[in-house]
Amino acid sequence: MAVVSLLECYIALGDTARARRLAASEPVNDGYYYLLCGKLFFALRKYDRAIESFGNAQTIRSAFKSNTLEEATYFWAKSLDKMYQLKPNSGNKRACFRAWQQFSKAFCPGSGKSRQCGEAAERLSFLRE
């Protein structure tokens, strides 16, 4: 769909104003669309909206890209981490820890050599303290 491609272009170009207007006016029930919206909200530091969008991206299939689950789960954990950093309370810490744990268990088998897996291991170690 043209809306998803256009949103992807606006985000890639850093045109958050146009991306935000498009996302507000043309909702599409697609996992990749929600992943893009989550990235937009993350860039705008609207972490509550990003968490919701990344959550949708994890559960709704995409007609555009089939491999969005890992990226959506990673950014979902990062968004919850940002919420915890902004409001360091026990509920946010617990949600953050669970999100990183979920990402790590699903996408970091064995030693998990990727940069994202290293970040997840580092955050989990910090949050256990």
Protein backbone atom coordinates (compact mmCIF):
# COMPACT_ATOMS: atom_id res chain seq x y z
CA MET A 1 0.00 0.00 0.00
CA ALA A 2 1.23 3.48 -0.86
CA VAL A 3 0.68 4.79 2.68
CA VAL A 4 3.17 2.33 4.16
CA SER A 5 5.79 3.07 1.50
CA LEU A 6 5.35 6.80 1.94
CA LEU A 7 5.58 6.53 5.72
CA GLU A 8 8.74 4.45 5.35
CA CYS A 9 10.26 7.15 3.09
CA TYR A 10 9.36 10.01 5.43
CA ILE A 11 10.93 8.21 8.38
CA ALA A 12 14.07 7.34 6.40
CA LEU A 13 14.42 11.00 5.40
CA GLY A 14 13.85 12.18 8.97
CA ASP A 15 10.73 14.12 7.95
CA THR A 16 8.90 13.51 11.21
CA ALA A 17 6.32 16.23 10.58
CA ARG A 18 5.03 14.60 7.39
CA ALA A 19 5.37 11.13 8.87
CA ARG A 20 3.31 12.13 11.90
CA ARG A 21 0.58 13.72 9.76
CA LEU A 22 0.42 10.64 7.53
CA ALA A 23 0.33 8.21 10.47
CA ALA A 24 -2.47 10.23 12.09
CA SER A 25 -4.59 10.40 8.95
CA GLU A 26 -4.09 7.01 7.30
CA PRO A 27 -4.13 4.11 9.80
CA VAL A 28 -3.34 0.72 8.28
CA ASN A 29 -3.90 -2.53 10.17
CA ASP A 30 -0.54 -4.09 9.28
CA GLY A 31 2.39 -5.18 11.45
CA TYR A 32 5.01 -3.35 9.39
CA TYR A 33 2.94 -0.16 9.45
CA TYR A 34 2.83 -0.39 13.26
CA LEU A 35 6.58 -1.01 13.35
CA LEU A 36 7.12 2.19 11.34
CA CYS A 37 4.73 4.13 13.58
CA GLY A 38 6.58 2.82 16.62
CA LYS A 39 9.89 4.01 15.18
CA LEU A 40 8.35 7.41 14.52
CA PHE A 41 7.01 7.70 18.07
CA PHE A 42 10.34 6.48 19.47
CA ALA A 43 12.17 9.20 17.53
CA LEU A 44 9.67 11.75 18.85
CA ARG A 45 10.23 10.44 22.42
CA LYS A 46 6.57 9.47 22.73
CA TYR A 47 7.46 6.19 24.37
CA ASP A 48 3.96 5.28 25.52
CA ARG A 49 2.72 5.47 21.92
CA ALA A 50 5.84 3.64 20.70
CA ILE A 51 5.21 0.79 23.18
CA GLU A 52 1.66 0.43 21.92
CA SER A 53 2.72 0.49 18.26
CA PHE A 54 5.55 -2.02 18.76
CA GLY A 55 3.14 -4.26 20.69
CA ASN A 56 0.78 -4.19 17.71
CA ALA A 57 3.67 -4.88 15.35
CA GLN A 58 4.47 -8.02 17.35
CA THR A 59 0.95 -9.43 17.10
CA ILE A 60 -0.41 -8.29 13.72
CA ARG A 61 0.86 -9.95 10.55
CA SER A 62 2.31 -7.83 7.80
CA ALA A 63 1.50 -8.01 4.12
CA PHE A 64 4.63 -5.96 3.37
CA LYS A 65 7.43 -7.63 5.32
CA SER A 66 7.47 -11.04 6.91
CA ASN A 67 10.39 -10.57 9.31
CA THR A 68 9.31 -7.71 11.57
CA LEU A 69 8.88 -9.58 14.84
CA GLU A 70 12.51 -9.38 16.04
CA GLU A 71 12.82 -5.68 15.27
CA ALA A 72 9.44 -4.89 16.84
CA THR A 73 10.32 -6.83 20.00
CA TYR A 74 13.72 -5.15 20.24
CA PHE A 75 12.28 -1.64 19.92
CA TRP A 76 9.43 -2.54 22.29
CA ALA A 77 12.05 -3.43 24.92
CA LYS A 78 14.02 -0.24 24.17
CA SER A 79 10.85 1.84 24.57
CA LEU A 80 10.03 0.23 27.90
CA ASP A 81 13.64 0.85 28.93
CA LYS A 82 13.26 4.55 28.07
CA MET A 83 10.07 4.69 30.14
CA TYR A 84 11.93 3.17 33.07
CA GLN A 85 14.78 5.67 32.68
CA LEU A 86 12.29 8.55 32.66
CA LYS A 87 10.23 7.17 35.55
CA PRO A 88 12.41 4.77 37.56
CA ASN A 89 9.81 2.96 39.65
CA SER A 90 9.38 -0.74 40.41
CA GLY A 91 6.56 -1.25 37.90
CA ASN A 92 8.52 0.27 35.04
CA LYS A 93 11.63 -1.66 36.06
CA ARG A 94 9.70 -4.93 36.08
CA ALA A 95 8.13 -4.22 32.67
CA CYS A 96 11.51 -3.26 31.24
CA PHE A 97 13.17 -6.38 32.63
CA ARG A 98 10.44 -8.65 31.23
CA ALA A 99 10.66 -7.03 27.80
CA TRP A 100 14.44 -7.47 27.56
CA GLN A 101 14.06 -11.01 28.87
CA GLN A 102 11.42 -11.80 26.25
CA PHE A 103 13.62 -10.39 23.47
CA SER A 104 16.67 -12.27 24.71
CA LYS A 105 14.88 -15.61 25.03
CA ALA A 106 13.27 -15.34 21.62
CA PHE A 107 16.13 -13.94 19.54
CA CYS A 108 19.43 -14.51 21.36
CA PRO A 109 20.09 -18.26 21.46
CA GLY A 110 23.39 -19.33 22.98
CA SER A 111 25.83 -16.48 23.26
CA GLY A 112 23.77 -14.06 21.12
CA LYS A 113 26.52 -12.25 19.24
CA SER A 114 24.42 -9.49 17.66
CA ARG A 115 24.61 -5.92 18.89
CA GLN A 116 20.98 -6.11 20.03
CA CYS A 117 21.63 -9.32 21.98
CA GLY A 118 24.64 -7.71 23.64
CA GLU A 119 22.51 -4.73 24.59
CA ALA A 120 19.80 -7.02 25.97
CA ALA A 121 22.35 -8.94 28.08
CA GLU A 122 23.82 -5.69 29.37
CA ARG A 123 20.43 -4.24 30.31
CA LEU A 124 19.29 -7.47 31.96
CA SER A 125 22.47 -7.54 34.02
CA PHE A 126 21.94 -3.93 35.08
CA LEU A 127 18.25 -4.46 35.90
CA ARG A 128 19.01 -7.52 38.06
CA GLU A 129 21.04 -5.38 40.46
